[in-house]
Amino acid sequence: MKPKLFMTREIPERGLKKIREHFEVDLWPEEAPPPKDVIIERVKDKDALVSLLTDPIDAEVMDAAPNLRIISQYAVGFDNIDVKAATERGIYVTNTPGVLTETVADFAFALLLAVARRVVEADHYVRSGQWKVAWHPLMMLGTDVYGATLGIVGMGRIGQAVARRAKGFGMKILYYDVVPRPEIEEEVGAKRVDLETLLKESDFVSLHVPLLPETYHMIGEKELRMMKPTAFLVNTARGKVVDQKALYRALKEGWIAGAALDVFEQEPIPPDDPLLQLKNVVLAPHAASASIETRSKMADIVAENLIAFKEGKVPPTLVNKDVVNVRPPGFG
C-alpha cells in the first residue's frame, strides 16, 4: 500500500509523475494556496506533505496529522515551517537548495538592468502612444550599470552568482556577510565591508539574505537614508527584509533613485499599495526562480527527498538533521 501524501499545489509534471509512482497523492487543484483549516483537514490521515512558502506549517498542523513523517518543501526557504516543532515530533523537513541559484541570479541582474535603464517605463512609453519624436537627447535617460559599484548583502550561493555576473559588467563589488568569503573575493575582486559602508558607497544594492529575526527589516529608514540619492535597491530575497513603508517614502521623496522588487511584505501585493503608483520601481510577482527547467528541477528534488525517505534513507536535502536522532527515516 502506498503512503498517503497531501500536496498543497500542483508542481511540474516531471516531479509529480515520480511522486505518484510511490505515493497516493491528494492534490490541491487551485492556484491559490489552501487555507490553513483546509491543510489541517486534508493532512489528517497523511504520511507526507508537499508544501510551498505560502503554507503555514506549524505545530497545530503537525498535531492534526499523527502519521505525518516528512514535509517536502517546494522551495529553498522554509520560514513557513516550524522546523523545531517538526524535529520534536520526529518529522523530517526538506527543501530544494542550489538548483535555482543561477536562475535567481539571472533575474536579480535583469531587475537591476531594468530599473537602471528604465526598461519597463520605456515599454509603457511606446505602448501608450507617448513616443511622438523619433529621438531626443533627453528622452528616457537612465543610469549606467557598467563600471558602477554593486553592494551585495548576503554572499551565499545566489549572492556569489550575482557577483560573477557583475564582474562581466566591470562593476566594483562590495559585500556584507557575517561569514568571510575569500574564494569569491579572489574570483571577482569583491571586498567585504560593513553594512553601513556598503550602503553609503554602492550605486546598486542587491539583497540575498534569508529571512531571520536578525534580518527582519534590516533595510529600514535608517539604512535607506544612508544610500546615495542616485542608488537603486534590488530585492529578490524576502519581502520582510525591507521595511516596505520606509521604502515607499524613500522612493517618493528621493532618498534613493529607484528599486526593483520581486518580493513583498504581503504577497500578492495589495492592488491599492502606493508602491504600484510609482514610476521609479520595477515590480515582479515573486518570479525569480520561474524558468521551466529550474521549476522542473525543484520538482525532481521534492520527489527525490520523498522517495529516499520512503526507502529508509536520509533525504538528500534534509533541513533538520537532528531529526535522525529522534526517528529513523521511513514510514515503518
C-alpha atoms as a PDB file:
ATOM      1  CA  MET A   1       0.000   0.000   0.000  1.00  0.00           C
ATOM      2  CA  LYS A   2       1.354   3.419  -0.983  1.00  0.00           C
ATOM      3  CA  PRO A   3       1.906   6.078   1.717  1.00  0.00           C
ATOM      4  CA  LYS A   4      -0.622   8.925   1.588  1.00  0.00           C
ATOM      5  CA  LEU A   5       0.550  12.409   0.638  1.00  0.00           C
ATOM      6  CA  PHE A   6      -1.107  15.817   0.543  1.00  0.00           C
ATOM      7  CA  MET A   7       0.305  18.313  -1.993  1.00  0.00           C
ATOM      8  CA  THR A   8      -0.730  21.927  -1.471  1.00  0.00           C
ATOM      9  CA  ARG A   9      -0.247  22.916  -5.133  1.00  0.00           C
ATOM     10  CA  GLU A  10       0.373  21.281  -8.481  1.00  0.00           C
ATOM     11  CA  ILE A  11       4.077  21.081  -9.324  1.00  0.00           C
ATOM     12  CA  PRO A  12       5.729  20.413 -12.716  1.00  0.00           C
ATOM     13  CA  GLU A  13       4.769  17.057 -14.188  1.00  0.00           C
ATOM     14  CA  ARG A  14       8.304  15.668 -14.243  1.00  0.00           C
ATOM     15  CA  GLY A  15       8.468  15.514 -10.461  1.00  0.00           C
ATOM     16  CA  LEU A  16       4.782  14.881  -9.908  1.00  0.00           C
ATOM     17  CA  LYS A  17       4.902  11.745 -12.047  1.00  0.00           C
ATOM     18  CA  LYS A  18       7.718  10.306  -9.910  1.00  0.00           C
ATOM     19  CA  ILE A  19       5.817  11.060  -6.723  1.00  0.00           C
ATOM     20  CA  ARG A  20       2.628   9.407  -7.986  1.00  0.00           C
ATOM     21  CA  GLU A  21       4.589   6.214  -8.641  1.00  0.00           C
ATOM     22  CA  HIS A  22       5.407   5.945  -4.939  1.00  0.00           C
ATOM     23  CA  PHE A  23       2.603   7.799  -3.136  1.00  0.00           C
ATOM     24  CA  GLU A  24      -1.163   8.087  -3.108  1.00  0.00           C
ATOM     25  CA  VAL A  25      -1.440  11.800  -3.889  1.00  0.00           C
ATOM     26  CA  ASP A  26      -4.177  14.135  -2.680  1.00  0.00           C
ATOM     27  CA  LEU A  27      -3.575  17.288  -4.759  1.00  0.00           C
ATOM     28  CA  TRP A  28      -4.999  20.732  -4.032  1.00  0.00           C
ATOM     29  CA  PRO A  29      -6.107  21.787  -7.543  1.00  0.00           C
ATOM     30  CA  GLU A  30      -6.244  25.582  -7.256  1.00  0.00           C
ATOM     31  CA  GLU A  31      -3.502  28.129  -7.954  1.00  0.00           C
ATOM     32  CA  ALA A  32      -4.216  29.977  -4.717  1.00  0.00           C
ATOM     33  CA  PRO A  33      -2.917  28.284  -1.552  1.00  0.00           C
ATOM     34  CA  PRO A  34      -5.304  26.236   0.549  1.00  0.00           C
ATOM     35  CA  PRO A  35      -6.452  27.965   3.762  1.00  0.00           C
ATOM     36  CA  LYS A  36      -4.864  26.677   6.928  1.00  0.00           C
ATOM     37  CA  ASP A  37      -8.050  24.940   8.061  1.00  0.00           C
ATOM     38  CA  VAL A  38      -8.127  23.069   4.752  1.00  0.00           C
ATOM     39  CA  ILE A  39      -4.500  21.978   5.189  1.00  0.00           C
ATOM     40  CA  ILE A  40      -5.339  20.707   8.667  1.00  0.00           C
ATOM     41  CA  GLU A  41      -8.324  18.759   7.362  1.00  0.00           C
ATOM     42  CA  ARG A  42      -6.541  17.275   4.332  1.00  0.00           C
ATOM     43  CA  VAL A  43      -3.367  16.288   6.182  1.00  0.00           C
ATOM     44  CA  LYS A  44      -5.125  14.393   8.999  1.00  0.00           C
ATOM     45  CA  ASP A  45      -4.619  10.924   7.566  1.00  0.00           C
ATOM     46  CA  LYS A  46      -1.483  11.662   5.533  1.00  0.00           C
ATOM     47  CA  ASP A  47       2.028  10.276   5.893  1.00  0.00           C
ATOM     48  CA  ALA A  48       3.718  13.012   3.872  1.00  0.00           C
ATOM     49  CA  LEU A  49       3.181  16.627   2.880  1.00  0.00           C
ATOM     50  CA  VAL A  50       4.467  18.732  -0.029  1.00  0.00           C
ATOM     51  CA  SER A  51       4.294  22.406   0.917  1.00  0.00           C
ATOM     52  CA  LEU A  52       5.134  25.834  -0.503  1.00  0.00           C
ATOM     53  CA  LEU A  53       6.364  29.017   1.157  1.00  0.00           C
ATOM     54  CA  THR A  54       2.832  30.359   1.368  1.00  0.00           C
ATOM     55  CA  ASP A  55       1.628  27.432   3.506  1.00  0.00           C
ATOM     56  CA  PRO A  56       1.749  27.903   7.292  1.00  0.00           C
ATOM     57  CA  ILE A  57       3.017  24.557   8.576  1.00  0.00           C
ATOM     58  CA  ASP A  58       3.152  24.935  12.351  1.00  0.00           C
ATOM     59  CA  ALA A  59       2.651  22.717  15.401  1.00  0.00           C
ATOM     60  CA  GLU A  60      -1.130  22.874  15.007  1.00  0.00           C
ATOM     61  CA  VAL A  61      -0.921  21.402  11.510  1.00  0.00           C
ATOM     62  CA  MET A  62       1.545  18.727  12.623  1.00  0.00           C
ATOM     63  CA  ASP A  63      -0.522  17.721  15.650  1.00  0.00           C
ATOM     64  CA  ALA A  64      -3.538  17.265  13.378  1.00  0.00           C
ATOM     65  CA  ALA A  65      -1.583  14.632  11.419  1.00  0.00           C
ATOM     66  CA  PRO A  66      -0.368  11.868  13.766  1.00  0.00           C
ATOM     67  CA  ASN A  67       1.012   9.821  10.833  1.00  0.00           C
ATOM     68  CA  LEU A  68       2.959  12.698   9.257  1.00  0.00           C
ATOM     69  CA  ARG A  69       6.619  11.748   8.855  1.00  0.00           C
ATOM     70  CA  ILE A  70       8.025  14.118   6.199  1.00  0.00           C
ATOM     71  CA  ILE A  71       7.396  17.643   4.886  1.00  0.00           C
ATOM     72  CA  SER A  72       8.991  18.100   1.468  1.00  0.00           C
ATOM     73  CA  GLN A  73       9.122  21.836   0.773  1.00  0.00           C
ATOM     74  CA  TYR A  74       8.998  23.018  -2.828  1.00  0.00           C
ATOM     75  CA  ALA A  75      11.294  25.999  -2.161  1.00  0.00           C
ATOM     76  CA  VAL A  76      14.746  26.882  -0.907  1.00  0.00           C
ATOM     77  CA  GLY A  77      13.387  28.857   2.044  1.00  0.00           C
ATOM     78  CA  PHE A  78      11.415  27.196   4.827  1.00  0.00           C
ATOM     79  CA  ASP A  79      10.484  30.054   7.170  1.00  0.00           C
ATOM     80  CA  ASN A  80       6.818  28.996   6.809  1.00  0.00           C
ATOM     81  CA  ILE A  81       7.600  25.734   8.626  1.00  0.00           C
ATOM     82  CA  ASP A  82       8.126  25.420  12.380  1.00  0.00           C
ATOM     83  CA  VAL A  83      11.250  23.295  11.990  1.00  0.00           C
ATOM     84  CA  LYS A  84      11.792  23.000  15.757  1.00  0.00           C
ATOM     85  CA  ALA A  85       8.268  21.632  16.237  1.00  0.00           C
ATOM     86  CA  ALA A  86       8.829  19.202  13.363  1.00  0.00           C
ATOM     87  CA  THR A  87      12.076  17.901  14.855  1.00  0.00           C
ATOM     88  CA  GLU A  88      10.463  17.406  18.251  1.00  0.00           C
ATOM     89  CA  ARG A  89       7.771  15.288  16.588  1.00  0.00           C
ATOM     90  CA  GLY A  90      10.221  13.275  14.507  1.00  0.00           C
ATOM     91  CA  ILE A  91       9.040  14.858  11.250  1.00  0.00           C
ATOM     92  CA  TYR A  92      11.670  15.281   8.518  1.00  0.00           C
ATOM     93  CA  VAL A  93      11.777  18.649   6.710  1.00  0.00           C
ATOM     94  CA  THR A  94      13.438  19.013   3.302  1.00  0.00           C
ATOM     95  CA  ASN A  95      13.879  21.842   0.803  1.00  0.00           C
ATOM     96  CA  THR A  96      15.214  22.442  -2.726  1.00  0.00           C
ATOM     97  CA  PRO A  97      18.533  24.313  -2.371  1.00  0.00           C
ATOM     98  CA  GLY A  98      21.145  25.019  -5.023  1.00  0.00           C
ATOM     99  CA  VAL A  99      19.015  24.268  -8.061  1.00  0.00           C
ATOM    100  CA  LEU A 100      17.665  27.783  -8.512  1.00  0.00           C
ATOM    101  CA  THR A 101      20.877  29.722  -7.813  1.00  0.00           C
ATOM    102  CA  GLU A 102      21.718  30.705 -11.386  1.00  0.00           C
ATOM    103  CA  THR A 103      18.109  31.344 -12.380  1.00  0.00           C
ATOM    104  CA  VAL A 104      17.510  33.708  -9.446  1.00  0.00           C
ATOM    105  CA  ALA A 105      20.827  35.449 -10.092  1.00  0.00           C
ATOM    106  CA  ASP A 106      19.803  35.969 -13.734  1.00  0.00           C
ATOM    107  CA  PHE A 107      16.536  37.543 -12.596  1.00  0.00           C
ATOM    108  CA  ALA A 108      18.175  39.735  -9.959  1.00  0.00           C
ATOM    109  CA  PHE A 109      20.502  41.124 -12.596  1.00  0.00           C
ATOM    110  CA  ALA A 110      17.605  41.524 -15.029  1.00  0.00           C
ATOM    111  CA  LEU A 111      15.771  43.601 -12.425  1.00  0.00           C
ATOM    112  CA  LEU A 112      18.894  45.658 -11.803  1.00  0.00           C
ATOM    113  CA  LEU A 113      19.247  46.427 -15.509  1.00  0.00           C
ATOM    114  CA  ALA A 114      15.540  47.077 -15.931  1.00  0.00           C
ATOM    115  CA  VAL A 115      15.324  49.677 -13.173  1.00  0.00           C
ATOM    116  CA  ALA A 116      18.637  51.314 -14.092  1.00  0.00           C
ATOM    117  CA  ARG A 117      17.803  51.667 -17.788  1.00  0.00           C
ATOM    118  CA  ARG A 118      14.056  52.278 -17.256  1.00  0.00           C
ATOM    119  CA  VAL A 119      13.071  49.320 -19.422  1.00  0.00           C
ATOM    120  CA  VAL A 120       9.546  48.988 -18.017  1.00  0.00           C
ATOM    121  CA  GLU A 121       8.924  52.728 -18.326  1.00  0.00           C
ATOM    122  CA  ALA A 122      10.219  52.665 -21.897  1.00  0.00           C
ATOM    123  CA  ASP A 123       7.920  49.789 -22.815  1.00  0.00           C
ATOM    124  CA  HIS A 124       4.910  51.678 -21.418  1.00  0.00           C
ATOM    125  CA  TYR A 125       6.083  54.852 -23.177  1.00  0.00           C
ATOM    126  CA  VAL A 126       5.942  53.091 -26.534  1.00  0.00           C
ATOM    127  CA  ARG A 127       2.742  51.103 -25.965  1.00  0.00           C
ATOM    128  CA  SER A 128       0.780  54.092 -24.594  1.00  0.00           C
ATOM    129  CA  GLY A 129       1.475  56.258 -27.634  1.00  0.00           C
ATOM    130  CA  GLN A 130       3.663  58.775 -25.785  1.00  0.00           C
ATOM    131  CA  TRP A 131       6.544  58.212 -28.242  1.00  0.00           C
ATOM    132  CA  LYS A 132       5.998  61.183 -30.586  1.00  0.00           C
ATOM    133  CA  VAL A 133       9.574  62.118 -31.506  1.00  0.00           C
ATOM    134  CA  ALA A 134      11.944  59.591 -33.062  1.00  0.00           C
ATOM    135  CA  TRP A 135      14.914  60.518 -30.851  1.00  0.00           C
ATOM    136  CA  HIS A 136      15.806  63.237 -28.361  1.00  0.00           C
ATOM    137  CA  PRO A 137      18.988  63.712 -26.274  1.00  0.00           C
ATOM    138  CA  LEU A 138      16.991  63.815 -23.019  1.00  0.00           C
ATOM    139  CA  MET A 139      14.463  61.077 -23.735  1.00  0.00           C
ATOM    140  CA  MET A 140      14.282  58.151 -21.229  1.00  0.00           C
ATOM    141  CA  LEU A 141      17.667  58.811 -19.653  1.00  0.00           C
ATOM    142  CA  GLY A 142      18.781  56.009 -17.346  1.00  0.00           C
ATOM    143  CA  THR A 143      21.809  55.053 -15.268  1.00  0.00           C
ATOM    144  CA  ASP A 144      24.889  53.171 -16.474  1.00  0.00           C
ATOM    145  CA  VAL A 145      25.495  49.769 -14.933  1.00  0.00           C
ATOM    146  CA  TYR A 146      28.892  49.059 -16.446  1.00  0.00           C
ATOM    147  CA  GLY A 147      31.636  50.237 -14.091  1.00  0.00           C
ATOM    148  CA  ALA A 148      29.238  51.067 -11.244  1.00  0.00           C
ATOM    149  CA  THR A 149      29.587  49.799  -7.662  1.00  0.00           C
ATOM    150  CA  LEU A 150      27.393  46.875  -6.636  1.00  0.00           C
ATOM    151  CA  GLY A 151      26.794  46.115  -2.971  1.00  0.00           C
ATOM    152  CA  ILE A 152      25.677  42.540  -2.280  1.00  0.00           C
ATOM    153  CA  VAL A 153      24.015  41.926   1.089  1.00  0.00           C
ATOM    154  CA  GLY A 154      24.368  38.199   1.765  1.00  0.00           C
ATOM    155  CA  MET A 155      27.154  36.467  -0.169  1.00  0.00           C
ATOM    156  CA  GLY A 156      25.736  32.952  -0.223  1.00  0.00           C
ATOM    157  CA  ARG A 157      25.244  30.904  -3.387  1.00  0.00           C
ATOM    158  CA  ILE A 158      22.931  33.399  -5.077  1.00  0.00           C
ATOM    159  CA  GLY A 159      24.909  36.440  -3.968  1.00  0.00           C
ATOM    160  CA  GLN A 160      28.070  34.894  -5.400  1.00  0.00           C
ATOM    161  CA  ALA A 161      26.311  34.114  -8.685  1.00  0.00           C
ATOM    162  CA  VAL A 162      25.203  37.754  -8.917  1.00  0.00           C
ATOM    163  CA  ALA A 163      28.798  38.838  -8.215  1.00  0.00           C
ATOM    164  CA  ARG A 164      30.040  36.760 -11.165  1.00  0.00           C
ATOM    165  CA  ARG A 165      27.556  38.496 -13.446  1.00  0.00           C
ATOM    166  CA  ALA A 166      28.620  41.878 -12.083  1.00  0.00           C
ATOM    167  CA  LYS A 167      32.245  41.116 -12.893  1.00  0.00           C
ATOM    168  CA  GLY A 168      31.226  40.768 -16.543  1.00  0.00           C
ATOM    169  CA  PHE A 169      29.875  44.315 -16.358  1.00  0.00           C
ATOM    170  CA  GLY A 170      33.145  45.636 -14.962  1.00  0.00           C
ATOM    171  CA  MET A 171      31.484  46.506 -11.658  1.00  0.00           C
ATOM    172  CA  LYS A 172      33.260  47.180  -8.388  1.00  0.00           C
ATOM    173  CA  ILE A 173      31.828  44.639  -5.935  1.00  0.00           C
ATOM    174  CA  LEU A 174      31.331  45.196  -2.211  1.00  0.00           C
ATOM    175  CA  TYR A 175      29.651  42.661   0.035  1.00  0.00           C
ATOM    176  CA  TYR A 176      28.316  42.354   3.552  1.00  0.00           C
ATOM    177  CA  ASP A 177      28.060  38.921   5.135  1.00  0.00           C
ATOM    178  CA  VAL A 178      28.530  37.538   8.648  1.00  0.00           C
ATOM    179  CA  VAL A 179      30.866  34.956   7.088  1.00  0.00           C
ATOM    180  CA  PRO A 180      34.003  35.962   5.130  1.00  0.00           C
ATOM    181  CA  ARG A 181      34.009  34.592   1.549  1.00  0.00           C
ATOM    182  CA  PRO A 182      37.685  34.576   0.475  1.00  0.00           C
ATOM    183  CA  GLU A 183      37.042  32.388  -2.585  1.00  0.00           C
ATOM    184  CA  ILE A 184      34.627  34.844  -4.211  1.00  0.00           C
ATOM    185  CA  GLU A 185      36.842  37.766  -3.150  1.00  0.00           C
ATOM    186  CA  GLU A 186      39.671  36.246  -5.142  1.00  0.00           C
ATOM    187  CA  GLU A 187      37.476  35.207  -8.071  1.00  0.00           C
ATOM    188  CA  VAL A 188      35.744  38.528  -8.752  1.00  0.00           C
ATOM    189  CA  GLY A 189      37.705  41.032  -6.691  1.00  0.00           C
ATOM    190  CA  ALA A 190      34.908  41.524  -4.168  1.00  0.00           C
ATOM    191  CA  LYS A 191      35.643  43.394  -0.940  1.00  0.00           C
ATOM    192  CA  ARG A 192      33.977  42.571   2.379  1.00  0.00           C
ATOM    193  CA  VAL A 193      32.764  45.681   4.235  1.00  0.00           C
ATOM    194  CA  ASP A 194      30.313  46.533   6.989  1.00  0.00           C
ATOM    195  CA  LEU A 195      26.699  47.232   6.043  1.00  0.00           C
ATOM    196  CA  GLU A 196      26.969  50.975   6.570  1.00  0.00           C
ATOM    197  CA  THR A 197      29.942  51.266   4.224  1.00  0.00           C
ATOM    198  CA  LEU A 198      28.218  49.138   1.609  1.00  0.00           C
ATOM    199  CA  LEU A 199      25.065  51.271   1.706  1.00  0.00           C
ATOM    200  CA  LYS A 200      26.969  54.550   1.520  1.00  0.00           C
ATOM    201  CA  GLU A 201      29.285  53.560  -1.347  1.00  0.00           C
ATOM    202  CA  SER A 202      27.121  51.379  -3.621  1.00  0.00           C
ATOM    203  CA  ASP A 203      25.303  52.507  -6.740  1.00  0.00           C
ATOM    204  CA  PHE A 204      23.214  49.329  -6.613  1.00  0.00           C
ATOM    205  CA  VAL A 205      22.356  47.271  -3.517  1.00  0.00           C
ATOM    206  CA  SER A 206      21.164  43.707  -4.101  1.00  0.00           C
ATOM    207  CA  LEU A 207      19.686  41.688  -1.203  1.00  0.00           C
ATOM    208  CA  HIS A 208      20.342  37.952  -0.852  1.00  0.00           C
ATOM    209  CA  VAL A 209      19.827  37.118   2.820  1.00  0.00           C
ATOM    210  CA  PRO A 210      17.369  34.613   4.342  1.00  0.00           C
ATOM    211  CA  LEU A 211      14.505  35.868   6.489  1.00  0.00           C
ATOM    212  CA  LEU A 212      15.644  35.500  10.098  1.00  0.00           C
ATOM    213  CA  PRO A 213      14.829  37.508  13.239  1.00  0.00           C
ATOM    214  CA  GLU A 214      18.051  39.466  12.704  1.00  0.00           C
ATOM    215  CA  THR A 215      17.297  40.209   9.034  1.00  0.00           C
ATOM    216  CA  TYR A 216      13.673  41.325   9.528  1.00  0.00           C
ATOM    217  CA  HIS A 217      13.503  44.957   8.292  1.00  0.00           C
ATOM    218  CA  MET A 218      17.302  45.083   8.117  1.00  0.00           C
ATOM    219  CA  ILE A 219      16.756  47.691   5.392  1.00  0.00           C
ATOM    220  CA  GLY A 220      14.637  50.390   7.018  1.00  0.00           C
ATOM    221  CA  GLU A 221      14.554  54.186   7.117  1.00  0.00           C
ATOM    222  CA  LYS A 222      17.987  54.491   8.726  1.00  0.00           C
ATOM    223  CA  GLU A 223      19.610  52.255   6.107  1.00  0.00           C
ATOM    224  CA  LEU A 224      17.774  53.782   3.142  1.00  0.00           C
ATOM    225  CA  ARG A 225      18.874  57.268   4.198  1.00  0.00           C
ATOM    226  CA  MET A 226      22.486  56.033   4.140  1.00  0.00           C
ATOM    227  CA  MET A 227      22.240  55.196   0.444  1.00  0.00           C
ATOM    228  CA  LYS A 228      23.148  57.603  -2.333  1.00  0.00           C
ATOM    229  CA  PRO A 229      20.224  59.577  -3.809  1.00  0.00           C
ATOM    230  CA  THR A 230      21.337  58.099  -7.160  1.00  0.00           C
ATOM    231  CA  ALA A 231      21.370  54.484  -5.889  1.00  0.00           C
ATOM    232  CA  PHE A 232      18.983  51.600  -6.550  1.00  0.00           C
ATOM    233  CA  LEU A 233      17.768  48.773  -4.291  1.00  0.00           C
ATOM    234  CA  VAL A 234      17.099  45.278  -5.696  1.00  0.00           C
ATOM    235  CA  ASN A 235      15.333  42.645  -3.587  1.00  0.00           C
ATOM    236  CA  THR A 236      14.932  39.023  -4.685  1.00  0.00           C
ATOM    237  CA  ALA A 237      15.378  37.652  -1.143  1.00  0.00           C
ATOM    238  CA  ARG A 238      12.358  38.017   1.174  1.00  0.00           C
ATOM    239  CA  GLY A 239       9.900  40.891   1.324  1.00  0.00           C
ATOM    240  CA  LYS A 240      10.156  41.362   5.082  1.00  0.00           C
ATOM    241  CA  VAL A 241      13.885  42.031   4.872  1.00  0.00           C
ATOM    242  CA  VAL A 242      12.831  45.532   3.755  1.00  0.00           C
ATOM    243  CA  ASP A 243      10.549  47.920   5.631  1.00  0.00           C
ATOM    244  CA  GLN A 244       8.183  48.498   2.730  1.00  0.00           C
ATOM    245  CA  LYS A 245       6.616  51.681   4.164  1.00  0.00           C
ATOM    246  CA  ALA A 246      10.053  53.211   4.607  1.00  0.00           C
ATOM    247  CA  LEU A 247      10.973  52.147   1.070  1.00  0.00           C
ATOM    248  CA  TYR A 248       7.895  53.885  -0.332  1.00  0.00           C
ATOM    249  CA  ARG A 249       8.923  57.109   1.384  1.00  0.00           C
ATOM    250  CA  ALA A 250      12.481  56.700   0.120  1.00  0.00           C
ATOM    251  CA  LEU A 251      11.268  56.327  -3.456  1.00  0.00           C
ATOM    252  CA  LYS A 252       8.620  59.028  -3.192  1.00  0.00           C
ATOM    253  CA  GLU A 253      10.848  61.598  -1.506  1.00  0.00           C
ATOM    254  CA  GLY A 254      14.015  60.834  -3.479  1.00  0.00           C
ATOM    255  CA  TRP A 255      16.239  59.355  -0.769  1.00  0.00           C
ATOM    256  CA  ILE A 256      17.176  56.790  -3.443  1.00  0.00           C
ATOM    257  CA  ALA A 257      16.707  56.757  -7.213  1.00  0.00           C
ATOM    258  CA  GLY A 258      14.713  53.573  -7.585  1.00  0.00           C
ATOM    259  CA  ALA A 259      14.049  49.975  -6.607  1.00  0.00           C
ATOM    260  CA  ALA A 260      13.328  46.635  -8.247  1.00  0.00           C
ATOM    261  CA  LEU A 261      11.346  44.137  -6.182  1.00  0.00           C
ATOM    262  CA  ASP A 262      10.401  40.514  -6.707  1.00  0.00           C
ATOM    263  CA  VAL A 263       9.220  40.017  -3.112  1.00  0.00           C
ATOM    264  CA  PHE A 264       6.975  41.967  -0.766  1.00  0.00           C
ATOM    265  CA  GLU A 265       5.905  42.087   2.862  1.00  0.00           C
ATOM    266  CA  GLN A 266       2.456  40.870   1.782  1.00  0.00           C
ATOM    267  CA  GLU A 267       2.084  38.636  -1.260  1.00  0.00           C
ATOM    268  CA  PRO A 268       0.329  39.221  -3.557  1.00  0.00           C
ATOM    269  CA  ILE A 269       0.925  42.925  -3.039  1.00  0.00           C
ATOM    270  CA  PRO A 270      -2.473  44.616  -2.459  1.00  0.00           C
ATOM    271  CA  PRO A 271      -3.778  46.486  -5.546  1.00  0.00           C
ATOM    272  CA  ASP A 272      -4.058  49.698  -3.525  1.00  0.00           C
ATOM    273  CA  ASP A 273      -0.449  49.605  -2.284  1.00  0.00           C
ATOM    274  CA  PRO A 274       1.114  53.026  -3.013  1.00  0.00           C
ATOM    275  CA  LEU A 275       4.256  51.392  -4.435  1.00  0.00           C
ATOM    276  CA  LEU A 276       2.219  50.496  -7.504  1.00  0.00           C
ATOM    277  CA  GLN A 277       1.783  54.180  -8.326  1.00  0.00           C
ATOM    278  CA  LEU A 278       5.496  54.947  -8.530  1.00  0.00           C
ATOM    279  CA  LYS A 279       7.413  55.008 -11.813  1.00  0.00           C
ATOM    280  CA  ASN A 280      10.842  54.508 -10.234  1.00  0.00           C
ATOM    281  CA  VAL A 281      10.156  50.963  -9.065  1.00  0.00           C
ATOM    282  CA  VAL A 282      10.057  47.749 -11.110  1.00  0.00           C
ATOM    283  CA  LEU A 283       7.782  45.059  -9.671  1.00  0.00           C
ATOM    284  CA  ALA A 284       7.626  41.302 -10.299  1.00  0.00           C
ATOM    285  CA  PRO A 285       5.339  38.596  -8.792  1.00  0.00           C
ATOM    286  CA  HIS A 286       7.913  36.502  -6.849  1.00  0.00           C
ATOM    287  CA  ALA A 287       9.106  35.095 -10.163  1.00  0.00           C
ATOM    288  CA  ALA A 288      12.892  34.949  -9.763  1.00  0.00           C
ATOM    289  CA  SER A 289      13.054  31.156  -9.998  1.00  0.00           C
ATOM    290  CA  ALA A 290      10.389  30.928 -12.701  1.00  0.00           C
ATOM    291  CA  SER A 291      12.173  29.193 -15.527  1.00  0.00           C
ATOM    292  CA  ILE A 292      10.802  25.939 -16.933  1.00  0.00           C
ATOM    293  CA  GLU A 293      13.962  23.956 -16.245  1.00  0.00           C
ATOM    294  CA  THR A 294      14.542  25.282 -12.730  1.00  0.00           C
ATOM    295  CA  ARG A 295      10.975  24.728 -11.568  1.00  0.00           C
ATOM    296  CA  SER A 296      11.144  21.192 -13.005  1.00  0.00           C
ATOM    297  CA  LYS A 297      14.416  20.535 -11.187  1.00  0.00           C
ATOM    298  CA  MET A 298      12.816  21.728  -7.966  1.00  0.00           C
ATOM    299  CA  ALA A 299      10.032  19.184  -8.508  1.00  0.00           C
ATOM    300  CA  ASP A 300      12.664  16.499  -9.090  1.00  0.00           C
ATOM    301  CA  ILE A 301      14.294  17.286  -5.736  1.00  0.00           C
ATOM    302  CA  VAL A 302      10.958  17.207  -3.921  1.00  0.00           C
ATOM    303  CA  ALA A 303      10.366  13.747  -5.403  1.00  0.00           C
ATOM    304  CA  GLU A 304      13.890  12.535  -4.624  1.00  0.00           C
ATOM    305  CA  ASN A 305      13.566  13.560  -0.977  1.00  0.00           C
ATOM    306  CA  LEU A 306      10.228  11.788  -0.606  1.00  0.00           C
ATOM    307  CA  ILE A 307      11.364   8.607  -2.347  1.00  0.00           C
ATOM    308  CA  ALA A 308      14.611   8.430  -0.352  1.00  0.00           C
ATOM    309  CA  PHE A 309      12.678   8.762   2.890  1.00  0.00           C
ATOM    310  CA  LYS A 310      10.218   6.085   1.817  1.00  0.00           C
ATOM    311  CA  GLU A 311      13.142   3.748   1.151  1.00  0.00           C
ATOM    312  CA  GLY A 312      14.508   4.310   4.653  1.00  0.00           C
ATOM    313  CA  LYS A 313      17.295   6.659   3.550  1.00  0.00           C
ATOM    314  CA  VAL A 314      18.113  10.120   4.867  1.00  0.00           C
ATOM    315  CA  PRO A 315      16.695  12.584   2.284  1.00  0.00           C
ATOM    316  CA  PRO A 316      19.405  14.347   0.211  1.00  0.00           C
ATOM    317  CA  THR A 317      18.451  17.887   1.271  1.00  0.00           C
ATOM    318  CA  LEU A 318      17.345  17.369   4.860  1.00  0.00           C
ATOM    319  CA  VAL A 319      16.959  20.649   6.754  1.00  0.00           C
ATOM    320  CA  ASN A 320      16.589  19.416  10.344  1.00  0.00           C
ATOM    321  CA  LYS A 321      19.464  16.952  10.527  1.00  0.00           C
ATOM    322  CA  ASP A 322      18.946  16.324  14.257  1.00  0.00           C
ATOM    323  CA  VAL A 323      15.646  14.595  13.478  1.00  0.00           C
ATOM    324  CA  VAL A 324      17.509  11.373  12.644  1.00  0.00           C
ATOM    325  CA  ASN A 325      18.222  11.073  16.370  1.00  0.00           C
ATOM    326  CA  VAL A 326      14.524  11.275  17.107  1.00  0.00           C
ATOM    327  CA  ARG A 327      13.221   8.876  14.465  1.00  0.00           C
ATOM    328  CA  PRO A 328      14.895   6.922  11.653  1.00  0.00           C
ATOM    329  CA  PRO A 329      13.744   7.648   8.072  1.00  0.00           C
ATOM    330  CA  GLY A 330      10.913   5.583   6.617  1.00  0.00           C
ATOM    331  CA  PHE A 331       7.220   5.026   7.148  1.00  0.00           C
ATOM    332  CA  GLY A 332       7.642   1.811   9.123  1.00  0.00           C
END
